[in-house]
Amino acid sequence: MKFYAVRRGRATGVFDSWDACRKQVFKFPNAEYKAFPTREEAIAFVSSTAPPRKNQTNPSDVSSDTFTAIWVDGSCFPQSDGSLRIGWGLLVKQDGEEIYRANGNDIPPEATNHRNVAGEIFGVLKALEWCQKQGIAEVTLYFDYQGLESWATGAWQAKLPFTQLYAQTVNTSGVRIHWSKVKAHSGVPENEIVDQLAKKGAMG
């Protein structure tokens, strides 16, 4: 069991769960918090008036892959005029609680030949942008198209400009990704949600 100490937040003190801690520090400017193995250490942190060490305010102390999970998906609808409607969707949870979802269709024209994969790629890119803004340095990312992981890790050679840019962006993002492939349309609730988000994004 961990104890979560909040020295600067909406409320300060020691909390027994990440969910309770997150409510005090999420989007709170310059929040100061850290997880400890014992309540005594957590109390000492809260009581201390000394400037916190760098690693004591790093969000990844508690917002690690254990707590931050992101699902992404893409969708493509061919139109009667030969054009394509392509969308992306993403869902973010921390400690099992949804904190963010988004979708869109802002796919550049040069990427449309990738069809729904372009949407999947943009889901990852948008997720990384969100992580950077939130100061989240480590996530588990759930996806259903193998290329998302394989291009980023180099297992597949990124031969086209769009996939090359994708791999480069992922690897220079500063976000550590734990890749987790899920089977599409297999009844995983989060995967079904991002599938619907991507479809809405495509037709929006």
N, C-alpha and C. Protein backbone atom coordinates (compact mmCIF):
# COMPACT_ATOMS: atom_id res chain seq x y z
N MET A 1 0.84 -1.19 0.00
CA MET A 1 0.00 0.00 0.00
C MET A 1 0.87 1.24 0.00
N LYS A 2 0.47 2.24 -0.79
CA LYS A 2 1.19 3.50 -0.84
C LYS A 2 0.39 4.59 -0.15
N PHE A 3 1.12 5.61 0.31
CA PHE A 3 0.51 6.77 0.92
C PHE A 3 0.90 7.98 0.08
N TYR A 4 -0.08 8.79 -0.27
CA TYR A 4 0.16 9.90 -1.18
C TYR A 4 0.12 11.22 -0.41
N ALA A 5 1.26 11.89 -0.41
CA ALA A 5 1.41 13.13 0.35
C ALA A 5 1.26 14.32 -0.58
N VAL A 6 0.39 15.25 -0.24
CA VAL A 6 0.20 16.48 -1.02
C VAL A 6 0.65 17.65 -0.16
N ARG A 7 1.73 18.30 -0.59
CA ARG A 7 2.24 19.45 0.16
C ARG A 7 1.70 20.76 -0.42
N ARG A 8 1.34 20.73 -1.69
CA ARG A 8 0.73 21.89 -2.31
C ARG A 8 -0.34 21.39 -3.27
N GLY A 9 -1.61 21.78 -3.02
CA GLY A 9 -2.72 21.34 -3.86
C GLY A 9 -4.00 21.97 -3.37
N ARG A 10 -5.11 21.50 -3.89
CA ARG A 10 -6.40 22.05 -3.44
C ARG A 10 -6.59 21.80 -1.96
N ALA A 11 -6.19 20.64 -1.51
CA ALA A 11 -6.14 20.32 -0.08
C ALA A 11 -4.83 19.60 0.17
N THR A 12 -4.21 19.83 1.32
CA THR A 12 -2.95 19.19 1.64
C THR A 12 -3.18 18.10 2.67
N GLY A 13 -2.20 17.19 2.75
CA GLY A 13 -2.32 16.11 3.71
C GLY A 13 -1.88 14.79 3.11
N VAL A 14 -2.22 13.71 3.78
CA VAL A 14 -1.85 12.36 3.35
C VAL A 14 -3.12 11.63 2.92
N PHE A 15 -3.07 11.02 1.73
CA PHE A 15 -4.22 10.34 1.18
C PHE A 15 -3.89 8.87 0.94
N ASP A 16 -4.89 8.02 1.12
CA ASP A 16 -4.66 6.57 1.03
C ASP A 16 -4.80 6.01 -0.38
N SER A 17 -5.21 6.85 -1.34
CA SER A 17 -5.37 6.35 -2.70
C SER A 17 -4.92 7.41 -3.69
N TRP A 18 -4.48 6.95 -4.87
CA TRP A 18 -4.09 7.89 -5.92
C TRP A 18 -5.29 8.71 -6.37
N ASP A 19 -6.47 8.12 -6.40
CA ASP A 19 -7.65 8.85 -6.84
C ASP A 19 -7.90 10.07 -5.96
N ALA A 20 -7.78 9.88 -4.64
CA ALA A 20 -8.00 11.00 -3.71
C ALA A 20 -6.91 12.05 -3.89
N CYS A 21 -5.68 11.58 -4.10
CA CYS A 21 -4.56 12.50 -4.30
C CYS A 21 -4.75 13.29 -5.60
N ARG A 22 -5.10 12.58 -6.67
CA ARG A 22 -5.21 13.22 -7.98
C ARG A 22 -6.22 14.36 -7.98
N LYS A 23 -7.31 14.22 -7.22
CA LYS A 23 -8.32 15.26 -7.15
C LYS A 23 -7.75 16.56 -6.57
N GLN A 24 -6.70 16.44 -5.77
CA GLN A 24 -6.10 17.61 -5.15
C GLN A 24 -5.03 18.27 -6.03
N VAL A 25 -4.43 17.49 -6.93
CA VAL A 25 -3.28 18.01 -7.67
C VAL A 25 -3.49 18.12 -9.17
N PHE A 26 -4.50 17.44 -9.72
CA PHE A 26 -4.68 17.44 -11.16
C PHE A 26 -5.01 18.84 -11.65
N LYS A 27 -4.19 19.36 -12.55
CA LYS A 27 -4.31 20.70 -13.12
C LYS A 27 -4.19 21.80 -12.07
N PHE A 28 -3.61 21.48 -10.92
CA PHE A 28 -3.35 22.51 -9.90
C PHE A 28 -1.95 23.07 -10.15
N PRO A 29 -1.81 24.38 -10.33
CA PRO A 29 -0.50 24.96 -10.66
C PRO A 29 0.57 24.66 -9.62
N ASN A 30 1.70 24.15 -10.10
CA ASN A 30 2.86 23.89 -9.24
C ASN A 30 2.54 22.97 -8.06
N ALA A 31 1.72 21.99 -8.31
CA ALA A 31 1.39 21.04 -7.24
C ALA A 31 2.63 20.30 -6.76
N GLU A 32 2.69 20.00 -5.47
CA GLU A 32 3.80 19.27 -4.87
C GLU A 32 3.24 18.03 -4.19
N TYR A 33 3.65 16.87 -4.65
CA TYR A 33 3.12 15.62 -4.10
C TYR A 33 4.07 14.49 -4.41
N LYS A 34 3.92 13.41 -3.62
CA LYS A 34 4.77 12.24 -3.83
C LYS A 34 4.16 11.04 -3.12
N ALA A 35 4.44 9.86 -3.65
CA ALA A 35 3.98 8.62 -3.04
C ALA A 35 5.07 8.06 -2.13
N PHE A 36 4.65 7.51 -0.97
CA PHE A 36 5.58 6.94 0.00
C PHE A 36 5.10 5.56 0.44
N PRO A 37 6.02 4.70 0.86
CA PRO A 37 5.63 3.38 1.33
C PRO A 37 5.05 3.39 2.74
N THR A 38 5.34 4.44 3.53
CA THR A 38 4.82 4.50 4.89
C THR A 38 4.14 5.84 5.14
N ARG A 39 3.16 5.84 6.05
CA ARG A 39 2.44 7.07 6.39
C ARG A 39 3.38 8.07 7.06
N GLU A 40 4.34 7.56 7.85
CA GLU A 40 5.26 8.45 8.55
C GLU A 40 6.07 9.29 7.57
N GLU A 41 6.57 8.67 6.52
CA GLU A 41 7.34 9.40 5.51
C GLU A 41 6.47 10.42 4.79
N ALA A 42 5.22 10.04 4.53
CA ALA A 42 4.31 10.95 3.85
C ALA A 42 4.02 12.17 4.72
N ILE A 43 3.81 11.95 6.01
CA ILE A 43 3.56 13.06 6.94
C ILE A 43 4.76 13.98 7.01
N ALA A 44 5.95 13.40 7.03
CA ALA A 44 7.17 14.19 7.08
C ALA A 44 7.30 15.07 5.84
N PHE A 45 6.92 14.54 4.69
CA PHE A 45 6.98 15.31 3.45
C PHE A 45 6.02 16.50 3.50
N VAL A 46 4.79 16.24 3.98
CA VAL A 46 3.81 17.31 4.06
C VAL A 46 4.25 18.38 5.05
N SER A 47 4.87 17.95 6.15
CA SER A 47 5.26 18.88 7.20
C SER A 47 6.50 19.67 6.85
N SER A 48 7.32 19.14 5.94
CA SER A 48 8.57 19.79 5.59
C SER A 48 8.33 21.10 4.87
N THR A 49 9.11 22.10 5.23
CA THR A 49 9.03 23.39 4.55
C THR A 49 10.20 23.60 3.61
N ALA A 50 11.09 22.63 3.56
CA ALA A 50 12.24 22.74 2.67
C ALA A 50 11.78 22.59 1.23
N PRO A 51 12.47 23.26 0.28
CA PRO A 51 12.09 23.09 -1.12
C PRO A 51 12.19 21.63 -1.52
N PRO A 52 11.20 21.12 -2.22
CA PRO A 52 11.23 19.71 -2.60
C PRO A 52 12.33 19.43 -3.60
N ARG A 53 12.90 18.24 -3.49
CA ARG A 53 13.86 17.81 -4.50
C ARG A 53 13.12 17.61 -5.81
N LYS A 54 13.86 17.67 -6.90
CA LYS A 54 13.25 17.57 -8.22
C LYS A 54 12.40 16.32 -8.34
N ASN A 55 12.91 15.20 -7.85
CA ASN A 55 12.16 13.96 -8.04
C ASN A 55 10.95 13.86 -7.14
N GLN A 56 10.80 14.82 -6.22
CA GLN A 56 9.62 14.79 -5.37
C GLN A 56 8.42 15.48 -6.02
N THR A 57 8.64 16.25 -7.08
CA THR A 57 7.54 16.94 -7.73
C THR A 57 7.31 16.43 -9.14
N ASN A 58 8.05 15.43 -9.51
CA ASN A 58 7.89 14.86 -10.84
C ASN A 58 6.57 14.09 -10.91
N PRO A 59 5.65 14.50 -11.80
CA PRO A 59 4.36 13.80 -11.86
C PRO A 59 4.51 12.31 -12.13
N SER A 60 5.61 11.89 -12.74
CA SER A 60 5.74 10.46 -13.04
C SER A 60 5.94 9.64 -11.78
N ASP A 61 6.20 10.31 -10.62
CA ASP A 61 6.29 9.56 -9.37
C ASP A 61 5.00 8.79 -9.10
N VAL A 62 3.88 9.43 -9.45
CA VAL A 62 2.61 8.76 -9.22
C VAL A 62 1.82 8.58 -10.51
N SER A 63 2.06 9.42 -11.51
CA SER A 63 1.37 9.27 -12.78
C SER A 63 2.20 8.39 -13.71
N SER A 64 2.56 7.23 -13.26
CA SER A 64 3.36 6.32 -14.06
C SER A 64 2.43 5.43 -14.87
N ASP A 65 3.00 4.44 -15.55
CA ASP A 65 2.18 3.55 -16.35
C ASP A 65 1.17 2.80 -15.49
N THR A 66 1.45 2.71 -14.19
CA THR A 66 0.52 2.05 -13.29
C THR A 66 -0.80 2.80 -13.24
N PHE A 67 -0.76 4.11 -13.45
CA PHE A 67 -1.94 4.93 -13.26
C PHE A 67 -2.50 5.55 -14.54
N THR A 68 -1.65 5.82 -15.51
CA THR A 68 -2.09 6.51 -16.72
C THR A 68 -2.18 5.53 -17.88
N ALA A 69 -3.37 5.36 -18.40
CA ALA A 69 -3.60 4.45 -19.52
C ALA A 69 -4.33 5.21 -20.62
N ILE A 70 -3.90 5.01 -21.86
CA ILE A 70 -4.49 5.71 -23.00
C ILE A 70 -4.89 4.70 -24.07
N TRP A 71 -6.09 4.86 -24.58
CA TRP A 71 -6.58 4.05 -25.70
C TRP A 71 -6.72 4.94 -26.92
N VAL A 72 -6.34 4.43 -28.10
CA VAL A 72 -6.45 5.20 -29.33
C VAL A 72 -7.08 4.33 -30.42
N ASP A 73 -7.70 5.00 -31.40
CA ASP A 73 -8.25 4.27 -32.55
C ASP A 73 -8.44 5.25 -33.70
N GLY A 74 -8.60 4.70 -34.90
CA GLY A 74 -8.84 5.50 -36.08
C GLY A 74 -9.96 4.91 -36.89
N SER A 75 -10.55 5.72 -37.80
CA SER A 75 -11.67 5.26 -38.60
C SER A 75 -11.64 5.96 -39.95
N CYS A 76 -12.16 5.27 -40.98
CA CYS A 76 -12.16 5.82 -42.33
C CYS A 76 -13.46 5.45 -43.04
N PHE A 77 -14.09 6.45 -43.66
CA PHE A 77 -15.32 6.24 -44.41
C PHE A 77 -15.15 6.77 -45.83
N PRO A 78 -15.04 5.88 -46.82
CA PRO A 78 -14.99 6.32 -48.21
C PRO A 78 -16.30 6.99 -48.61
N GLN A 79 -16.21 8.08 -49.38
CA GLN A 79 -17.39 8.81 -49.81
C GLN A 79 -17.68 8.54 -51.29
N SER A 80 -18.90 8.84 -51.70
CA SER A 80 -19.32 8.55 -53.07
C SER A 80 -18.53 9.33 -54.10
N ASP A 81 -17.97 10.46 -53.69
CA ASP A 81 -17.18 11.26 -54.63
C ASP A 81 -15.72 10.83 -54.68
N GLY A 82 -15.40 9.74 -53.99
CA GLY A 82 -14.03 9.24 -54.00
C GLY A 82 -13.17 9.77 -52.87
N SER A 83 -13.68 10.73 -52.11
CA SER A 83 -12.91 11.28 -50.98
C SER A 83 -13.03 10.34 -49.78
N LEU A 84 -12.22 10.63 -48.78
CA LEU A 84 -12.21 9.82 -47.56
C LEU A 84 -12.45 10.70 -46.34
N ARG A 85 -13.31 10.23 -45.45
CA ARG A 85 -13.49 10.89 -44.15
C ARG A 85 -12.73 10.06 -43.12
N ILE A 86 -11.69 10.63 -42.55
CA ILE A 86 -10.82 9.91 -41.61
C ILE A 86 -10.85 10.60 -40.25
N GLY A 87 -10.99 9.83 -39.20
CA GLY A 87 -11.04 10.41 -37.86
C GLY A 87 -10.16 9.65 -36.87
N TRP A 88 -9.90 10.30 -35.74
CA TRP A 88 -9.13 9.69 -34.66
C TRP A 88 -9.88 9.88 -33.35
N GLY A 89 -9.58 9.01 -32.39
CA GLY A 89 -10.17 9.13 -31.06
C GLY A 89 -9.19 8.67 -30.01
N LEU A 90 -9.29 9.26 -28.82
CA LEU A 90 -8.45 8.83 -27.71
C LEU A 90 -9.19 8.96 -26.40
N LEU A 91 -8.81 8.12 -25.45
CA LEU A 91 -9.41 8.08 -24.11
C LEU A 91 -8.28 7.91 -23.10
N VAL A 92 -8.31 8.71 -22.04
CA VAL A 92 -7.28 8.64 -21.00
C VAL A 92 -7.93 8.31 -19.67
N LYS A 93 -7.34 7.35 -18.97
CA LYS A 93 -7.77 7.02 -17.61
C LYS A 93 -6.58 7.07 -16.67
N GLN A 94 -6.83 7.52 -15.45
CA GLN A 94 -5.83 7.46 -14.39
C GLN A 94 -6.43 6.72 -13.21
N ASP A 95 -5.74 5.67 -12.81
CA ASP A 95 -6.21 4.81 -11.72
C ASP A 95 -7.65 4.33 -11.98
N GLY A 96 -7.93 4.03 -13.24
CA GLY A 96 -9.22 3.48 -13.60
C GLY A 96 -10.33 4.49 -13.83
N GLU A 97 -10.04 5.77 -13.63
CA GLU A 97 -11.07 6.80 -13.79
C GLU A 97 -10.80 7.62 -15.04
N GLU A 98 -11.81 7.77 -15.88
CA GLU A 98 -11.64 8.57 -17.08
C GLU A 98 -11.39 10.04 -16.73
N ILE A 99 -10.36 10.62 -17.35
CA ILE A 99 -10.07 12.03 -17.10
C ILE A 99 -10.06 12.86 -18.38
N TYR A 100 -10.04 12.19 -19.55
CA TYR A 100 -9.96 12.96 -20.78
C TYR A 100 -10.36 12.09 -21.96
N ARG A 101 -11.07 12.67 -22.91
CA ARG A 101 -11.34 12.01 -24.18
C ARG A 101 -11.38 13.09 -25.25
N ALA A 102 -11.03 12.70 -26.48
CA ALA A 102 -11.03 13.66 -27.58
C ALA A 102 -11.14 12.92 -28.89
N ASN A 103 -11.57 13.64 -29.92
CA ASN A 103 -11.57 13.09 -31.27
C ASN A 103 -11.45 14.23 -32.27
N GLY A 104 -11.24 13.88 -33.53
CA GLY A 104 -11.10 14.89 -34.56
C GLY A 104 -10.89 14.28 -35.91
N ASN A 105 -10.76 15.15 -36.92
CA ASN A 105 -10.54 14.69 -38.29
C ASN A 105 -9.50 15.55 -39.01
N ASP A 106 -8.61 16.16 -38.23
CA ASP A 106 -7.60 17.06 -38.79
C ASP A 106 -6.41 16.28 -39.36
N ILE A 107 -6.70 15.41 -40.31
CA ILE A 107 -5.69 14.58 -40.94
C ILE A 107 -5.13 15.34 -42.15
N PRO A 108 -3.83 15.51 -42.27
CA PRO A 108 -3.27 16.23 -43.43
C PRO A 108 -3.51 15.46 -44.72
N PRO A 109 -3.73 16.16 -45.82
CA PRO A 109 -4.04 15.51 -47.11
C PRO A 109 -3.00 14.46 -47.51
N GLU A 110 -1.73 14.72 -47.20
CA GLU A 110 -0.69 13.78 -47.62
C GLU A 110 -0.74 12.46 -46.86
N ALA A 111 -1.55 12.39 -45.81
CA ALA A 111 -1.64 11.16 -45.01
C ALA A 111 -2.88 10.35 -45.33
N THR A 112 -3.79 10.88 -46.14
CA THR A 112 -5.07 10.21 -46.35
C THR A 112 -4.92 8.86 -47.05
N ASN A 113 -3.82 8.66 -47.79
CA ASN A 113 -3.65 7.36 -48.45
C ASN A 113 -3.45 6.23 -47.45
N HIS A 114 -3.18 6.58 -46.19
CA HIS A 114 -3.05 5.57 -45.14
C HIS A 114 -4.41 5.16 -44.56
N ARG A 115 -5.46 5.85 -45.01
CA ARG A 115 -6.83 5.55 -44.62
C ARG A 115 -6.99 5.52 -43.09
N ASN A 116 -7.59 4.46 -42.51
CA ASN A 116 -7.85 4.46 -41.07
C ASN A 116 -6.57 4.44 -40.24
N VAL A 117 -5.47 3.95 -40.82
CA VAL A 117 -4.20 3.94 -40.09
C VAL A 117 -3.74 5.37 -39.80
N ALA A 118 -4.07 6.30 -40.71
CA ALA A 118 -3.74 7.70 -40.46
C ALA A 118 -4.45 8.19 -39.21
N GLY A 119 -5.71 7.75 -39.03
CA GLY A 119 -6.44 8.12 -37.83
C GLY A 119 -5.82 7.52 -36.58
N GLU A 120 -5.40 6.26 -36.69
CA GLU A 120 -4.75 5.60 -35.55
C GLU A 120 -3.47 6.34 -35.16
N ILE A 121 -2.68 6.70 -36.16
CA ILE A 121 -1.43 7.42 -35.90
C ILE A 121 -1.72 8.76 -35.24
N PHE A 122 -2.72 9.47 -35.75
CA PHE A 122 -3.03 10.78 -35.17
C PHE A 122 -3.55 10.63 -33.75
N GLY A 123 -4.23 9.52 -33.44
CA GLY A 123 -4.65 9.29 -32.07
C GLY A 123 -3.45 9.24 -31.13
N VAL A 124 -2.39 8.56 -31.55
CA VAL A 124 -1.17 8.49 -30.73
C VAL A 124 -0.53 9.87 -30.62
N LEU A 125 -0.41 10.58 -31.75
CA LEU A 125 0.23 11.89 -31.73
C LEU A 125 -0.52 12.88 -30.84
N LYS A 126 -1.84 12.85 -30.91
CA LYS A 126 -2.65 13.73 -30.06
C LYS A 126 -2.51 13.34 -28.59
N ALA A 127 -2.41 12.04 -28.33
CA ALA A 127 -2.23 11.58 -26.95
C ALA A 127 -0.89 12.08 -26.40
N LEU A 128 0.15 12.03 -27.21
CA LEU A 128 1.46 12.49 -26.77
C LEU A 128 1.45 13.99 -26.51
N GLU A 129 0.76 14.74 -27.36
CA GLU A 129 0.64 16.19 -27.13
C GLU A 129 -0.02 16.45 -25.78
N TRP A 130 -1.07 15.70 -25.48
CA TRP A 130 -1.77 15.87 -24.21
C TRP A 130 -0.85 15.54 -23.04
N CYS A 131 -0.10 14.44 -23.15
CA CYS A 131 0.82 14.04 -22.08
C CYS A 131 1.86 15.12 -21.83
N GLN A 132 2.39 15.70 -22.89
CA GLN A 132 3.40 16.74 -22.75
C GLN A 132 2.83 17.96 -22.02
N LYS A 133 1.60 18.34 -22.35
CA LYS A 133 0.97 19.48 -21.70
C LYS A 133 0.69 19.21 -20.23
N GLN A 134 0.40 17.94 -19.90
CA GLN A 134 0.08 17.57 -18.53
C GLN A 134 1.30 17.20 -17.71
N GLY A 135 2.47 17.13 -18.34
CA GLY A 135 3.68 16.74 -17.64
C GLY A 135 3.73 15.26 -17.31
N ILE A 136 3.03 14.44 -18.07
CA ILE A 136 3.01 13.00 -17.84
C ILE A 136 4.11 12.35 -18.67
N ALA A 137 5.01 11.64 -18.04
CA ALA A 137 6.20 11.13 -18.71
C ALA A 137 6.15 9.64 -19.01
N GLU A 138 5.10 8.94 -18.54
CA GLU A 138 5.07 7.49 -18.73
C GLU A 138 3.62 7.02 -18.78
N VAL A 139 3.29 6.24 -19.81
CA VAL A 139 1.92 5.77 -19.97
C VAL A 139 1.91 4.34 -20.51
N THR A 140 0.78 3.69 -20.34
CA THR A 140 0.50 2.46 -21.09
C THR A 140 -0.47 2.84 -22.20
N LEU A 141 -0.12 2.48 -23.43
CA LEU A 141 -0.93 2.87 -24.57
C LEU A 141 -1.53 1.62 -25.21
N TYR A 142 -2.86 1.59 -25.28
CA TYR A 142 -3.59 0.46 -25.82
C TYR A 142 -4.01 0.77 -27.26
N PHE A 143 -3.78 -0.17 -28.16
CA PHE A 143 -4.01 0.06 -29.58
C PHE A 143 -4.40 -1.26 -30.23
N ASP A 144 -4.94 -1.21 -31.45
CA ASP A 144 -5.31 -2.46 -32.12
C ASP A 144 -4.65 -2.63 -33.49
N TYR A 145 -3.77 -1.70 -33.88
CA TYR A 145 -3.03 -1.85 -35.13
C TYR A 145 -1.54 -1.96 -34.82
N GLN A 146 -0.94 -3.08 -35.19
CA GLN A 146 0.43 -3.40 -34.78
C GLN A 146 1.45 -2.36 -35.23
N GLY A 147 1.21 -1.72 -36.36
CA GLY A 147 2.17 -0.76 -36.87
C GLY A 147 2.47 0.38 -35.92
N LEU A 148 1.50 0.74 -35.10
CA LEU A 148 1.72 1.85 -34.16
C LEU A 148 2.92 1.58 -33.26
N GLU A 149 3.02 0.35 -32.77
CA GLU A 149 4.16 -0.01 -31.95
C GLU A 149 5.39 -0.32 -32.81
N SER A 150 5.19 -1.09 -33.85
CA SER A 150 6.33 -1.61 -34.62
C SER A 150 7.10 -0.51 -35.34
N TRP A 151 6.41 0.51 -35.86
CA TRP A 151 7.13 1.62 -36.47
C TRP A 151 7.91 2.41 -35.43
N ALA A 152 7.30 2.59 -34.26
CA ALA A 152 7.95 3.38 -33.21
C ALA A 152 9.17 2.68 -32.64
N THR A 153 9.11 1.35 -32.53
CA THR A 153 10.22 0.60 -31.93
C THR A 153 11.26 0.19 -32.96
N GLY A 154 10.94 0.33 -34.25
CA GLY A 154 11.88 -0.06 -35.29
C GLY A 154 11.72 -1.51 -35.74
N ALA A 155 10.75 -2.23 -35.16
CA ALA A 155 10.51 -3.61 -35.58
C ALA A 155 10.04 -3.65 -37.04
N TRP A 156 9.30 -2.61 -37.44
CA TRP A 156 8.93 -2.41 -38.84
C TRP A 156 9.67 -1.18 -39.34
N GLN A 157 10.18 -1.24 -40.55
CA GLN A 157 10.84 -0.09 -41.13
C GLN A 157 9.80 0.90 -41.62
N ALA A 158 9.90 2.13 -41.16
CA ALA A 158 8.99 3.17 -41.62
C ALA A 158 9.52 3.69 -42.96
N LYS A 159 8.85 3.32 -44.04
CA LYS A 159 9.37 3.61 -45.38
C LYS A 159 8.77 4.87 -45.99
N LEU A 160 7.61 5.29 -45.53
CA LEU A 160 6.94 6.45 -46.10
C LEU A 160 7.11 7.67 -45.21
N PRO A 161 7.09 8.87 -45.80
CA PRO A 161 7.32 10.09 -45.02
C PRO A 161 6.43 10.22 -43.79
N PHE A 162 5.14 9.85 -43.92
CA PHE A 162 4.21 10.00 -42.80
C PHE A 162 4.55 9.06 -41.65
N THR A 163 4.86 7.80 -41.97
CA THR A 163 5.21 6.86 -40.90
C THR A 163 6.59 7.18 -40.33
N GLN A 164 7.49 7.70 -41.15
CA GLN A 164 8.80 8.11 -40.65
C GLN A 164 8.66 9.26 -39.66
N LEU A 165 7.81 10.24 -40.00
CA LEU A 165 7.57 11.37 -39.11
C LEU A 165 6.92 10.91 -37.82
N TYR A 166 6.00 9.95 -37.94
CA TYR A 166 5.35 9.40 -36.75
C TYR A 166 6.37 8.76 -35.81
N ALA A 167 7.22 7.89 -36.35
CA ALA A 167 8.22 7.21 -35.52
C ALA A 167 9.15 8.21 -34.85
N GLN A 168 9.57 9.22 -35.60
CA GLN A 168 10.47 10.23 -35.05
C GLN A 168 9.78 11.01 -33.93
N THR A 169 8.52 11.37 -34.15
CA THR A 169 7.79 12.14 -33.15
C THR A 169 7.61 11.35 -31.85
N VAL A 170 7.26 10.07 -31.99
CA VAL A 170 7.10 9.23 -30.79
C VAL A 170 8.40 9.12 -30.02
N ASN A 171 9.49 8.91 -30.72
CA ASN A 171 10.77 8.65 -30.06
C ASN A 171 11.44 9.90 -29.52
N THR A 172 10.96 11.07 -29.90
CA THR A 172 11.52 12.31 -29.37
C THR A 172 10.52 13.04 -28.47
N SER A 173 9.42 12.38 -28.14
CA SER A 173 8.35 13.04 -27.38
C SER A 173 8.69 13.24 -25.91
N GLY A 174 9.61 12.44 -25.39
CA GLY A 174 9.90 12.50 -23.96
C GLY A 174 8.93 11.70 -23.12
N VAL A 175 8.01 11.00 -23.76
CA VAL A 175 7.03 10.17 -23.06
C VAL A 175 7.41 8.71 -23.24
N ARG A 176 7.56 8.00 -22.15
CA ARG A 176 7.87 6.57 -22.20
C ARG A 176 6.56 5.80 -22.39
N ILE A 177 6.49 5.00 -23.44
CA ILE A 177 5.27 4.28 -23.76
C ILE A 177 5.44 2.79 -23.51
N HIS A 178 4.50 2.21 -22.77
CA HIS A 178 4.39 0.76 -22.63
C HIS A 178 3.27 0.34 -23.58
N TRP A 179 3.63 -0.32 -24.66
CA TRP A 179 2.66 -0.67 -25.69
C TRP A 179 1.86 -1.91 -25.29
N SER A 180 0.56 -1.87 -25.54
CA SER A 180 -0.29 -3.02 -25.21
C SER A 180 -1.34 -3.20 -26.31
N LYS A 181 -1.19 -4.25 -27.11
CA LYS A 181 -2.10 -4.47 -28.23
C LYS A 181 -3.37 -5.17 -27.76
N VAL A 182 -4.50 -4.68 -28.22
CA VAL A 182 -5.79 -5.31 -27.91
C VAL A 182 -6.45 -5.70 -29.23
N LYS A 183 -7.26 -6.72 -29.19
CA LYS A 183 -7.96 -7.17 -30.39
C LYS A 183 -9.14 -6.24 -30.66
N ALA A 184 -9.22 -5.77 -31.90
CA ALA A 184 -10.30 -4.85 -32.26
C ALA A 184 -11.66 -5.53 -32.13
N HIS A 185 -12.65 -4.76 -31.69
CA HIS A 185 -14.04 -5.22 -31.59
C HIS A 185 -14.16 -6.52 -30.80
N SER A 186 -13.41 -6.60 -29.72
CA SER A 186 -13.43 -7.81 -28.89
C SER A 186 -14.18 -7.60 -27.59
N GLY A 187 -14.88 -6.47 -27.48
CA GLY A 187 -15.70 -6.20 -26.30
C GLY A 187 -14.98 -5.46 -25.19
N VAL A 188 -13.73 -5.02 -25.42
CA VAL A 188 -13.02 -4.21 -24.42
C VAL A 188 -13.70 -2.84 -24.39
N PRO A 189 -14.30 -2.45 -23.26
CA PRO A 189 -15.11 -1.22 -23.23
C PRO A 189 -14.36 0.02 -23.73
N GLU A 190 -13.13 0.20 -23.27
CA GLU A 190 -12.38 1.40 -23.66
C GLU A 190 -12.09 1.41 -25.16
N ASN A 191 -11.80 0.22 -25.70
CA ASN A 191 -11.51 0.15 -27.13
C ASN A 191 -12.76 0.45 -27.95
N GLU A 192 -13.92 0.03 -27.45
CA GLU A 192 -15.17 0.33 -28.13
C GLU A 192 -15.45 1.84 -28.08
N ILE A 193 -15.11 2.46 -26.96
CA ILE A 193 -15.33 3.91 -26.82
C ILE A 193 -14.49 4.68 -27.84
N VAL A 194 -13.19 4.35 -27.95
CA VAL A 194 -12.35 5.10 -28.88
C VAL A 194 -12.72 4.79 -30.33
N ASP A 195 -13.24 3.60 -30.58
CA ASP A 195 -13.73 3.27 -31.92
C ASP A 195 -14.88 4.21 -32.29
N GLN A 196 -15.80 4.40 -31.36
CA GLN A 196 -16.93 5.31 -31.60
C GLN A 196 -16.46 6.76 -31.70
N LEU A 197 -15.50 7.14 -30.88
CA LEU A 197 -14.96 8.50 -30.94
C LEU A 197 -14.33 8.76 -32.30
N ALA A 198 -13.58 7.78 -32.80
CA ALA A 198 -12.93 7.95 -34.10
C ALA A 198 -13.96 8.07 -35.21
N LYS A 199 -15.03 7.28 -35.13
CA LYS A 199 -16.09 7.35 -36.14
C LYS A 199 -16.77 8.71 -36.10
N LYS A 200 -17.04 9.21 -34.91
CA LYS A 200 -17.66 10.54 -34.78
C LYS A 200 -16.72 11.62 -35.30
N GLY A 201 -15.42 11.42 -35.02
CA GLY A 201 -14.44 12.38 -35.52
C GLY A 201 -14.42 12.42 -37.04
N ALA A 202 -14.48 11.23 -37.64
CA ALA A 202 -14.44 11.15 -39.10
C ALA A 202 -15.64 11.84 -39.74
N MET A 203 -16.80 11.69 -39.13
CA MET A 203 -18.03 12.23 -39.73
C MET A 203 -18.37 13.62 -39.20
N GLY A 204 -17.56 14.12 -38.28
CA GLY A 204 -17.85 15.41 -37.66
C GLY A 204 -17.64 16.59 -38.59
